Each structure stands twice: as C-alpha cells, then as structure tokens.
C-alpha atoms as a PDB file:
ATOM      1  CA  MET A   1       6.274  22.003 -13.213  1.00  0.00           C
ATOM      2  CA  LYS A   2       2.593  22.491 -12.515  1.00  0.00           C
ATOM      3  CA  ALA A   3       0.784  20.486  -9.856  1.00  0.00           C
ATOM      4  CA  THR A   4      -2.771  20.394  -8.585  1.00  0.00           C
ATOM      5  CA  ILE A   5      -3.430  19.269  -5.041  1.00  0.00           C
ATOM      6  CA  TYR A   6      -6.872  18.382  -3.714  1.00  0.00           C
ATOM      7  CA  HIS A   7      -6.146  19.639  -0.257  1.00  0.00           C
ATOM      8  CA  ASN A   8      -7.582  19.809   3.237  1.00  0.00           C
ATOM      9  CA  PRO A   9      -5.595  22.376   5.241  1.00  0.00           C
ATOM     10  CA  ARG A  10      -6.648  20.688   8.503  1.00  0.00           C
ATOM     11  CA  CYS A  11      -4.940  17.422   7.473  1.00  0.00           C
ATOM     12  CA  SER A  12      -1.274  17.010   8.404  1.00  0.00           C
ATOM     13  CA  LYS A  13      -0.598  14.606   5.495  1.00  0.00           C
ATOM     14  CA  SER A  14      -2.119  17.080   3.069  1.00  0.00           C
ATOM     15  CA  ARG A  15      -0.019  19.928   4.502  1.00  0.00           C
ATOM     16  CA  GLU A  16       3.114  17.762   4.238  1.00  0.00           C
ATOM     17  CA  ALA A  17       2.382  16.906   0.589  1.00  0.00           C
ATOM     18  CA  LEU A  18       1.825  20.595  -0.202  1.00  0.00           C
ATOM     19  CA  ALA A  19       5.171  21.451   1.424  1.00  0.00           C
ATOM     20  CA  ILE A  20       6.923  18.789  -0.692  1.00  0.00           C
ATOM     21  CA  LEU A  21       5.414  20.274  -3.850  1.00  0.00           C
ATOM     22  CA  LYS A  22       6.441  23.816  -2.915  1.00  0.00           C
ATOM     23  CA  ASP A  23       9.938  22.723  -1.861  1.00  0.00           C
ATOM     24  CA  ALA A  24      10.329  21.045  -5.262  1.00  0.00           C
ATOM     25  CA  GLY A  25       9.543  24.366  -6.927  1.00  0.00           C
ATOM     26  CA  ALA A  26       6.229  23.259  -8.399  1.00  0.00           C
ATOM     27  CA  GLU A  27       3.656  25.835  -9.445  1.00  0.00           C
ATOM     28  CA  VAL A  28       0.815  24.556  -7.252  1.00  0.00           C
ATOM     29  CA  GLU A  29      -2.907  24.972  -7.752  1.00  0.00           C
ATOM     30  CA  VAL A  30      -4.519  24.290  -4.380  1.00  0.00           C
ATOM     31  CA  ILE A  31      -8.099  23.072  -4.459  1.00  0.00           C
ATOM     32  CA  GLU A  32      -9.713  22.820  -1.066  1.00  0.00           C
ATOM     33  CA  TYR A  33     -11.916  19.931  -2.093  1.00  0.00           C
ATOM     34  CA  LEU A  34     -14.330  20.309   0.846  1.00  0.00           C
ATOM     35  CA  LYS A  35     -15.139  23.849  -0.343  1.00  0.00           C
ATOM     36  CA  THR A  36     -14.855  23.124  -4.077  1.00  0.00           C
ATOM     37  CA  PRO A  37     -15.510  19.409  -4.581  1.00  0.00           C
ATOM     38  CA  PRO A  38     -14.318  17.727  -7.765  1.00  0.00           C
ATOM     39  CA  SER A  39     -17.026  16.338 -10.008  1.00  0.00           C
ATOM     40  CA  ARG A  40     -17.693  12.628 -10.250  1.00  0.00           C
ATOM     41  CA  ALA A  41     -16.083  12.644 -13.715  1.00  0.00           C
ATOM     42  CA  THR A  42     -12.981  14.430 -12.406  1.00  0.00           C
ATOM     43  CA  LEU A  43     -12.624  11.926  -9.574  1.00  0.00           C
ATOM     44  CA  ALA A  44     -13.007   9.004 -11.985  1.00  0.00           C
ATOM     45  CA  GLU A  45     -10.310  10.467 -14.246  1.00  0.00           C
ATOM     46  CA  LEU A  46      -7.936  11.170 -11.335  1.00  0.00           C
ATOM     47  CA  TYR A  47      -8.258   7.605 -10.029  1.00  0.00           C
ATOM     48  CA  LYS A  48      -7.812   6.196 -13.530  1.00  0.00           C
ATOM     49  CA  ARG A  49      -4.621   8.236 -14.002  1.00  0.00           C
ATOM     50  CA  ALA A  50      -3.406   7.093 -10.578  1.00  0.00           C
ATOM     51  CA  GLY A  51      -4.044   3.436 -11.452  1.00  0.00           C
ATOM     52  CA  MET A  52      -6.328   3.021  -8.475  1.00  0.00           C
ATOM     53  CA  THR A  53      -9.972   2.258  -7.843  1.00  0.00           C
ATOM     54  CA  ALA A  54     -12.501   4.564  -6.246  1.00  0.00           C
ATOM     55  CA  ARG A  55     -12.575   2.153  -3.303  1.00  0.00           C
ATOM     56  CA  GLU A  56      -8.826   2.740  -2.825  1.00  0.00           C
ATOM     57  CA  GLY A  57      -9.557   6.477  -2.755  1.00  0.00           C
ATOM     58  CA  LEU A  58     -12.327   6.149  -0.182  1.00  0.00           C
ATOM     59  CA  ARG A  59     -11.659   7.643   3.236  1.00  0.00           C
ATOM     60  CA  ILE A  60     -12.811   4.617   5.213  1.00  0.00           C
ATOM     61  CA  ALA A  61     -12.265   6.306   8.584  1.00  0.00           C
ATOM     62  CA  GLU A  62     -15.376   8.419   7.982  1.00  0.00           C
ATOM     63  CA  ASP A  63     -18.683   7.201   9.419  1.00  0.00           C
ATOM     64  CA  ALA A  64     -20.315   8.020   6.070  1.00  0.00           C
ATOM     65  CA  ALA A  65     -18.095   5.368   4.441  1.00  0.00           C
ATOM     66  CA  LYS A  66     -19.542   2.507   6.477  1.00  0.00           C
ATOM     67  CA  PRO A  67     -22.628   2.052   4.248  1.00  0.00           C
ATOM     68  CA  LEU A  68     -20.286   1.764   1.255  1.00  0.00           C
ATOM     69  CA  LYS A  69     -18.560  -1.349   2.600  1.00  0.00           C
ATOM     70  CA  ASP A  70     -19.906  -3.568  -0.187  1.00  0.00           C
ATOM     71  CA  ALA A  71     -20.541  -0.859  -2.790  1.00  0.00           C
ATOM     72  CA  ASP A  72     -19.132  -0.891  -6.308  1.00  0.00           C
ATOM     73  CA  ASP A  73     -16.887   1.870  -7.641  1.00  0.00           C
ATOM     74  CA  ASP A  74     -19.747   3.683  -9.397  1.00  0.00           C
ATOM     75  CA  THR A  75     -21.671   3.946  -6.146  1.00  0.00           C
ATOM     76  CA  ILE A  76     -18.560   5.083  -4.291  1.00  0.00           C
ATOM     77  CA  LEU A  77     -17.871   7.788  -6.892  1.00  0.00           C
ATOM     78  CA  ASP A  78     -21.471   8.999  -6.605  1.00  0.00           C
ATOM     79  CA  ALA A  79     -21.118   9.157  -2.810  1.00  0.00           C
ATOM     80  CA  MET A  80     -17.805  11.039  -3.026  1.00  0.00           C
ATOM     81  CA  ALA A  81     -19.269  13.597  -5.419  1.00  0.00           C
ATOM     82  CA  THR A  82     -22.181  14.142  -3.046  1.00  0.00           C
ATOM     83  CA  ASN A  83     -20.166  14.044   0.185  1.00  0.00           C
ATOM     84  CA  PRO A  84     -16.512  15.021  -0.500  1.00  0.00           C
ATOM     85  CA  ILE A  85     -15.414  14.209   3.062  1.00  0.00           C
ATOM     86  CA  LEU A  86     -15.301  10.630   1.706  1.00  0.00           C
ATOM     87  CA  ILE A  87     -12.354  11.489  -0.571  1.00  0.00           C
ATOM     88  CA  GLU A  88      -9.029  10.355   0.875  1.00  0.00           C
ATOM     89  CA  ARG A  89      -6.500  13.138   0.730  1.00  0.00           C
ATOM     90  CA  PRO A  90      -4.369  14.545  -0.613  1.00  0.00           C
ATOM     91  CA  LEU A  91      -4.723  13.760  -4.290  1.00  0.00           C
ATOM     92  CA  VAL A  92      -1.977  15.341  -6.383  1.00  0.00           C
ATOM     93  CA  ALA A  93      -1.916  15.596 -10.178  1.00  0.00           C
ATOM     94  CA  THR A  94       0.940  16.628 -12.460  1.00  0.00           C
ATOM     95  CA  GLU A  95       1.604  15.949 -16.126  1.00  0.00           C
ATOM     96  CA  ARG A  96       3.538  12.875 -14.937  1.00  0.00           C
ATOM     97  CA  GLY A  97       0.538  11.290 -13.211  1.00  0.00           C
ATOM     98  CA  VAL A  98      -1.634  11.295 -10.121  1.00  0.00           C
ATOM     99  CA  ARG A  99      -0.787  10.068  -6.637  1.00  0.00           C
ATOM    100  CA  LEU A 100      -2.614   9.778  -3.371  1.00  0.00           C
ATOM    101  CA  GLY A 101      -0.197  11.390  -0.931  1.00  0.00           C
ATOM    102  CA  ARG A 102      -0.304   8.689   1.708  1.00  0.00           C
ATOM    103  CA  PRO A 103       2.418   8.778   2.742  1.00  0.00           C
ATOM    104  CA  PRO A 104       3.096  12.324   1.502  1.00  0.00           C
ATOM    105  CA  GLU A 105       6.440  11.283  -0.018  1.00  0.00           C
ATOM    106  CA  LYS A 106       4.530   9.404  -2.751  1.00  0.00           C
ATOM    107  CA  VAL A 107       3.972  12.713  -4.531  1.00  0.00           C
ATOM    108  CA  ARG A 108       7.715  12.782  -5.341  1.00  0.00           C
ATOM    109  CA  GLU A 109       7.018   9.966  -7.848  1.00  0.00           C
ATOM    110  CA  ILE A 110       5.245  12.426 -10.142  1.00  0.00           C
ATOM    111  CA  LEU A 111       7.555  15.426  -9.810  1.00  0.00           C
END
C-alpha cells in the first residue's frame, strides 16, 4: 500500500504516525510540508477526502491562527497555503482516504 504523509519531523505525533505506516509495511512518501508546502488546491482536496473542514485542519496553537478565529474556510486555506505552520499535522493519504493523525492511531483507519 502507498501512503503520503505531510510530516514535521520535530513533531512527536507526526513521528508516531510515520512509524505506524512503516510498521504496517506501507510504501511511504514523506513530504516535509514546512519545506515543501502543499498548494491551496491540494489542501482543499485532502480535507474534502478526509471529510473535514479547513478549520478542523487549522493548527490553532499557533499565534498566526489567532486572526483566523472567525475566518471562513476559504480564508483559512489561503492562510495555510501562505504560512504552512498553520497546517495541523500529520495529514496522511492513502487510496482508502485521508486522516489527520491526531491521535496517530487514526491513520490505521486508512491502511
């Protein structure tokens, strides 16, 4: 099985999700999204496939998220594309779907 993980190696949850994927024998494409940010269109498609809104994918712990408190999803997607630190991680995609790996065990749902 192939999997793509939008990964931050400094994040323990992201590292745990990557370990789950590797332990399951998945062929993993690792995208360090802070170095290679996904486009706005890619983010929109990932969230659609995950059945979640951009707001649900917003990393609210970041100071840069505070001005987005009342923003709509289009504005949030624009902000994420411009400032990828706002993307909650890890996002994992397989042919079975997309999951936000919080908690990391959620990625098992799409393996």
